[in-house]
């Protein structure tokens, strides 16, 4: 009985850890891409703004 309960707790912990890691990966990837987009979009916008001045 106790062994089964412990096994279930370990399984739940492994599942939660997997979910946590997956959520973390998703967050990191989202931050990375949003940072990349936020960095490149203004750059492209600046190029468009500079062209008419030349």
PDB file of N, CA and C in Angstrom:
ATOM      1  N   UNK A   1       0.844  -1.206   0.000  1.00  0.00           N
ATOM      2  CA  UNK A   1       0.000   0.000   0.000  1.00  0.00           C
ATOM      3  C   UNK A   1       0.885   1.264   0.000  1.00  0.00           C
ATOM      4  N   UNK A   2       1.819   1.312   0.959  1.00  0.00           N
ATOM      5  CA  UNK A   2       2.693   2.483   1.072  1.00  0.00           C
ATOM      6  C   UNK A   2       3.609   2.605  -0.125  1.00  0.00           C
ATOM      7  N   UNK A   3       4.120   1.465  -0.592  1.00  0.00           N
ATOM      8  CA  UNK A   3       5.006   1.474  -1.755  1.00  0.00           C
ATOM      9  C   UNK A   3       4.296   2.015  -2.983  1.00  0.00           C
ATOM     10  N   UNK A   4       3.021   1.648  -3.151  1.00  0.00           N
ATOM     11  CA  UNK A   4       2.242   2.132  -4.289  1.00  0.00           C
ATOM     12  C   UNK A   4       2.032   3.634  -4.200  1.00  0.00           C
ATOM     13  N   UNK A   5       1.774   4.122  -2.993  1.00  0.00           N
ATOM     14  CA  UNK A   5       1.570   5.555  -2.790  1.00  0.00           C
ATOM     15  C   UNK A   5       2.846   6.323  -3.138  1.00  0.00           C
ATOM     16  N   UNK A   6       3.990   5.797  -2.693  1.00  0.00           N
ATOM     17  CA  UNK A   6       5.275   6.430  -2.964  1.00  0.00           C
ATOM     18  C   UNK A   6       5.544   6.461  -4.462  1.00  0.00           C
ATOM     19  N   UNK A   7       5.268   5.347  -5.128  1.00  0.00           N
ATOM     20  CA  UNK A   7       5.478   5.259  -6.571  1.00  0.00           C
ATOM     21  C   UNK A   7       4.615   6.291  -7.288  1.00  0.00           C
ATOM     22  N   UNK A   8       3.377   6.454  -6.807  1.00  0.00           N
ATOM     23  CA  UNK A   8       2.472   7.424  -7.432  1.00  0.00           C
ATOM     24  C   UNK A   8       3.001   8.842  -7.221  1.00  0.00           C
ATOM     25  N   UNK A   9       3.534   9.115  -6.021  1.00  0.00           N
ATOM     26  CA  UNK A   9       4.100  10.439  -5.745  1.00  0.00           C
ATOM     27  C   UNK A   9       5.296  10.710  -6.649  1.00  0.00           C
ATOM     28  N   UNK A  10       6.149   9.695  -6.825  1.00  0.00           N
ATOM     29  CA  UNK A  10       7.323   9.849  -7.690  1.00  0.00           C
ATOM     30  C   UNK A  10       6.869  10.089  -9.132  1.00  0.00           C
ATOM     31  N   UNK A  11       5.848   9.342  -9.550  1.00  0.00           N
ATOM     32  CA  UNK A  11       5.335   9.503 -10.917  1.00  0.00           C
ATOM     33  C   UNK A  11       4.757  10.907 -11.095  1.00  0.00           C
ATOM     34  N   UNK A  12       3.969  11.370 -10.119  1.00  0.00           N
ATOM     35  CA  UNK A  12       3.396  12.713 -10.183  1.00  0.00           C
ATOM     36  C   UNK A  12       4.501  13.763 -10.243  1.00  0.00           C
ATOM     37  N   UNK A  13       5.555  13.549  -9.453  1.00  0.00           N
ATOM     38  CA  UNK A  13       6.669  14.493  -9.421  1.00  0.00           C
ATOM     39  C   UNK A  13       7.359  14.531 -10.787  1.00  0.00           C
ATOM     40  N   UNK A  14       7.581  13.349 -11.363  1.00  0.00           N
ATOM     41  CA  UNK A  14       8.226  13.278 -12.681  1.00  0.00           C
ATOM     42  C   UNK A  14       7.365  13.981 -13.724  1.00  0.00           C
ATOM     43  N   UNK A  15       6.054  13.772 -13.641  1.00  0.00           N
ATOM     44  CA  UNK A  15       5.127  14.399 -14.581  1.00  0.00           C
ATOM     45  C   UNK A  15       5.153  15.917 -14.433  1.00  0.00           C
ATOM     46  N   UNK A  16       5.089  16.377 -13.174  1.00  0.00           N
ATOM     47  CA  UNK A  16       5.116  17.820 -12.916  1.00  0.00           C
ATOM     48  C   UNK A  16       6.429  18.436 -13.388  1.00  0.00           C
ATOM     49  N   UNK A  17       7.537  17.717 -13.154  1.00  0.00           N
ATOM     50  CA  UNK A  17       8.838  18.217 -13.571  1.00  0.00           C
ATOM     51  C   UNK A  17       8.905  18.311 -15.092  1.00  0.00           C
ATOM     52  N   UNK A  18       8.355  17.301 -15.775  1.00  0.00           N
ATOM     53  CA  UNK A  18       8.325  17.314 -17.239  1.00  0.00           C
ATOM     54  C   UNK A  18       7.508  18.497 -17.731  1.00  0.00           C
ATOM     55  N   UNK A  19       6.352  18.714 -17.111  1.00  0.00           N
ATOM     56  CA  UNK A  19       5.493  19.837 -17.499  1.00  0.00           C
ATOM     57  C   UNK A  19       6.212  21.164 -17.237  1.00  0.00           C
ATOM     58  N   UNK A  20       6.904  21.244 -16.110  1.00  0.00           N
ATOM     59  CA  UNK A  20       7.631  22.465 -15.743  1.00  0.00           C
ATOM     60  C   UNK A  20       8.735  22.763 -16.750  1.00  0.00           C
ATOM     61  N   UNK A  21       9.481  21.722 -17.107  1.00  0.00           N
ATOM     62  CA  UNK A  21      10.566  21.891 -18.080  1.00  0.00           C
ATOM     63  C   UNK A  21      10.007  22.310 -19.433  1.00  0.00           C
ATOM     64  N   UNK A  22       8.905  21.682 -19.840  1.00  0.00           N
ATOM     65  CA  UNK A  22       8.278  22.014 -21.117  1.00  0.00           C
ATOM     66  C   UNK A  22       7.791  23.462 -21.110  1.00  0.00           C
ATOM     67  N   UNK A  23       7.178  23.878 -20.012  1.00  0.00           N
ATOM     68  CA  UNK A  23       6.691  25.255 -19.901  1.00  0.00           C
ATOM     69  C   UNK A  23       7.856  26.236 -19.941  1.00  0.00           C
ATOM     70  N   UNK A  24       8.936  25.874 -19.256  1.00  0.00           N
ATOM     71  CA  UNK A  24      10.127  26.720 -19.227  1.00  0.00           C
ATOM     72  C   UNK A  24      10.722  26.858 -20.627  1.00  0.00           C
ATOM     73  N   UNK A  25      10.814  25.733 -21.336  1.00  0.00           N
ATOM     74  CA  UNK A  25      11.351  25.741 -22.705  1.00  0.00           C
ATOM     75  C   UNK A  25      10.506  26.636 -23.600  1.00  0.00           C
ATOM     76  N   UNK A  26       9.177  26.494 -23.470  1.00  0.00           N
ATOM     77  CA  UNK A  26       8.264  27.302 -24.281  1.00  0.00           C
ATOM     78  C   UNK A  26       8.455  28.783 -23.968  1.00  0.00           C
ATOM     79  N   UNK A  27       8.559  29.108 -22.678  1.00  0.00           N
ATOM     80  CA  UNK A  27       8.737  30.503 -22.277  1.00  0.00           C
ATOM     81  C   UNK A  27      10.046  31.063 -22.818  1.00  0.00           C
ATOM     82  N   UNK A  28      11.110  30.269 -22.704  1.00  0.00           N
ATOM     83  CA  UNK A  28      12.415  30.726 -23.189  1.00  0.00           C
ATOM     84  C   UNK A  28      12.378  30.944 -24.698  1.00  0.00           C
ATOM     85  N   UNK A  29      11.771  29.982 -25.408  1.00  0.00           N
ATOM     86  CA  UNK A  29      11.678  30.100 -26.863  1.00  0.00           C
ATOM     87  C   UNK A  29      10.857  31.334 -27.243  1.00  0.00           C
ATOM     88  N   UNK A  30       9.727  31.542 -26.524  1.00  0.00           N
ATOM     89  CA  UNK A  30       8.874  32.703 -26.803  1.00  0.00           C
ATOM     90  C   UNK A  30       9.632  34.006 -26.563  1.00  0.00           C
ATOM     91  N   UNK A  31      10.340  34.070 -25.441  1.00  0.00           N
ATOM     92  CA  UNK A  31      11.117  35.274 -25.127  1.00  0.00           C
ATOM     93  C   UNK A  31      12.196  35.514 -26.178  1.00  0.00           C
ATOM     94  N   UNK A  32      12.853  34.424 -26.582  1.00  0.00           N
ATOM     95  CA  UNK A  32      13.922  34.531 -27.576  1.00  0.00           C
ATOM     96  C   UNK A  32      13.384  35.089 -28.885  1.00  0.00           C
ATOM     97  N   UNK A  33      12.259  34.509 -29.367  1.00  0.00           N
ATOM     98  CA  UNK A  33      11.709  34.954 -30.655  1.00  0.00           C
ATOM     99  C   UNK A  33      11.136  36.359 -30.564  1.00  0.00           C
ATOM    100  N   UNK A  34      10.465  36.679 -29.452  1.00  0.00           N
ATOM    101  CA  UNK A  34       9.890  38.025 -29.323  1.00  0.00           C
ATOM    102  C   UNK A  34      11.008  39.063 -29.246  1.00  0.00           C
ATOM    103  N   UNK A  35      12.100  38.714 -28.558  1.00  0.00           N
ATOM    104  CA  UNK A  35      13.244  39.617 -28.471  1.00  0.00           C
ATOM    105  C   UNK A  35      13.849  39.817 -29.856  1.00  0.00           C
ATOM    106  N   UNK A  36      13.952  38.715 -30.608  1.00  0.00           N
ATOM    107  CA  UNK A  36      14.510  38.763 -31.964  1.00  0.00           C
ATOM    108  C   UNK A  36      13.635  39.641 -32.855  1.00  0.00           C
ATOM    109  N   UNK A  37      12.312  39.419 -32.774  1.00  0.00           N
ATOM    110  CA  UNK A  37      11.376  40.192 -33.606  1.00  0.00           C
ATOM    111  C   UNK A  37      11.412  41.663 -33.200  1.00  0.00           C
ATOM    112  N   UNK A  38      11.393  41.929 -31.885  1.00  0.00           N
ATOM    113  CA  UNK A  38      11.420  43.311 -31.417  1.00  0.00           C
ATOM    114  C   UNK A  38      12.714  44.008 -31.818  1.00  0.00           C
ATOM    115  N   UNK A  39      13.792  43.226 -31.964  1.00  0.00           N
ATOM    116  CA  UNK A  39      15.068  43.805 -32.348  1.00  0.00           C
ATOM    117  C   UNK A  39      15.123  44.075 -33.851  1.00  0.00           C
ATOM    118  N   UNK A  40      14.599  43.134 -34.645  1.00  0.00           N
ATOM    119  CA  UNK A  40      14.728  43.264 -36.102  1.00  0.00           C
ATOM    120  C   UNK A  40      13.680  44.159 -36.732  1.00  0.00           C
ATOM    121  N   UNK A  41      12.467  44.179 -36.182  1.00  0.00           N
ATOM    122  CA  UNK A  41      11.409  45.002 -36.783  1.00  0.00           C
ATOM    123  C   UNK A  41      11.764  46.488 -36.765  1.00  0.00           C
ATOM    124  N   UNK A  42      12.201  47.056 -35.620  1.00  0.00           N
ATOM    125  CA  UNK A  42      12.599  48.471 -35.633  1.00  0.00           C
ATOM    126  C   UNK A  42      13.762  48.726 -36.584  1.00  0.00           C
ATOM    127  N   UNK A  43      14.660  47.760 -36.717  1.00  0.00           N
ATOM    128  CA  UNK A  43      15.800  47.882 -37.626  1.00  0.00           C
ATOM    129  C   UNK A  43      15.292  48.026 -39.057  1.00  0.00           C
ATOM    130  N   UNK A  44      14.345  47.158 -39.429  1.00  0.00           N
ATOM    131  CA  UNK A  44      13.762  47.208 -40.768  1.00  0.00           C
ATOM    132  C   UNK A  44      13.005  48.525 -40.943  1.00  0.00           C
ATOM    133  N   UNK A  45      12.313  48.961 -39.895  1.00  0.00           N
ATOM    134  CA  UNK A  45      11.578  50.220 -39.957  1.00  0.00           C
ATOM    135  C   UNK A  45      12.525  51.398 -40.134  1.00  0.00           C
ATOM    136  N   UNK A  46      13.671  51.347 -39.468  1.00  0.00           N
ATOM    137  CA  UNK A  46      14.657  52.416 -39.589  1.00  0.00           C
ATOM    138  C   UNK A  46      15.192  52.482 -41.016  1.00  0.00           C
ATOM    139  N   UNK A  47      15.448  51.323 -41.600  1.00  0.00           N
ATOM    140  CA  UNK A  47      15.930  51.288 -42.982  1.00  0.00           C
ATOM    141  C   UNK A  47      14.926  51.962 -43.914  1.00  0.00           C
ATOM    142  N   UNK A  48      13.653  51.674 -43.688  1.00  0.00           N
ATOM    143  CA  UNK A  48      12.606  52.266 -44.528  1.00  0.00           C
ATOM    144  C   UNK A  48      12.573  53.781 -44.340  1.00  0.00           C
ATOM    145  N   UNK A  49      12.818  54.231 -43.120  1.00  0.00           N
ATOM    146  CA  UNK A  49      12.785  55.667 -42.826  1.00  0.00           C
ATOM    147  C   UNK A  49      14.011  56.389 -43.402  1.00  0.00           C
ATOM    148  N   UNK A  50      15.131  55.678 -43.422  1.00  0.00           N
ATOM    149  CA  UNK A  50      16.374  56.295 -43.911  1.00  0.00           C
ATOM    150  C   UNK A  50      16.348  56.449 -45.433  1.00  0.00           C
ATOM    151  N   UNK A  51      15.753  55.477 -46.131  1.00  0.00           N
ATOM    152  CA  UNK A  51      15.743  55.496 -47.606  1.00  0.00           C
ATOM    153  C   UNK A  51      15.244  56.807 -48.212  1.00  0.00           C
ATOM    154  N   UNK A  52      14.080  57.339 -47.766  1.00  0.00           N
ATOM    155  CA  UNK A  52      13.598  58.600 -48.368  1.00  0.00           C
ATOM    156  C   UNK A  52      14.561  59.765 -48.156  1.00  0.00           C
ATOM    157  N   UNK A  53      15.342  59.736 -47.068  1.00  0.00           N
ATOM    158  CA  UNK A  53      16.261  60.831 -46.771  1.00  0.00           C
ATOM    159  C   UNK A  53      17.445  60.857 -47.742  1.00  0.00           C
ATOM    160  N   UNK A  54      17.807  59.695 -48.258  1.00  0.00           N
ATOM    161  CA  UNK A  54      18.995  59.632 -49.124  1.00  0.00           C
ATOM    162  C   UNK A  54      18.733  60.258 -50.488  1.00  0.00           C
TER     163      UNK A  54
END
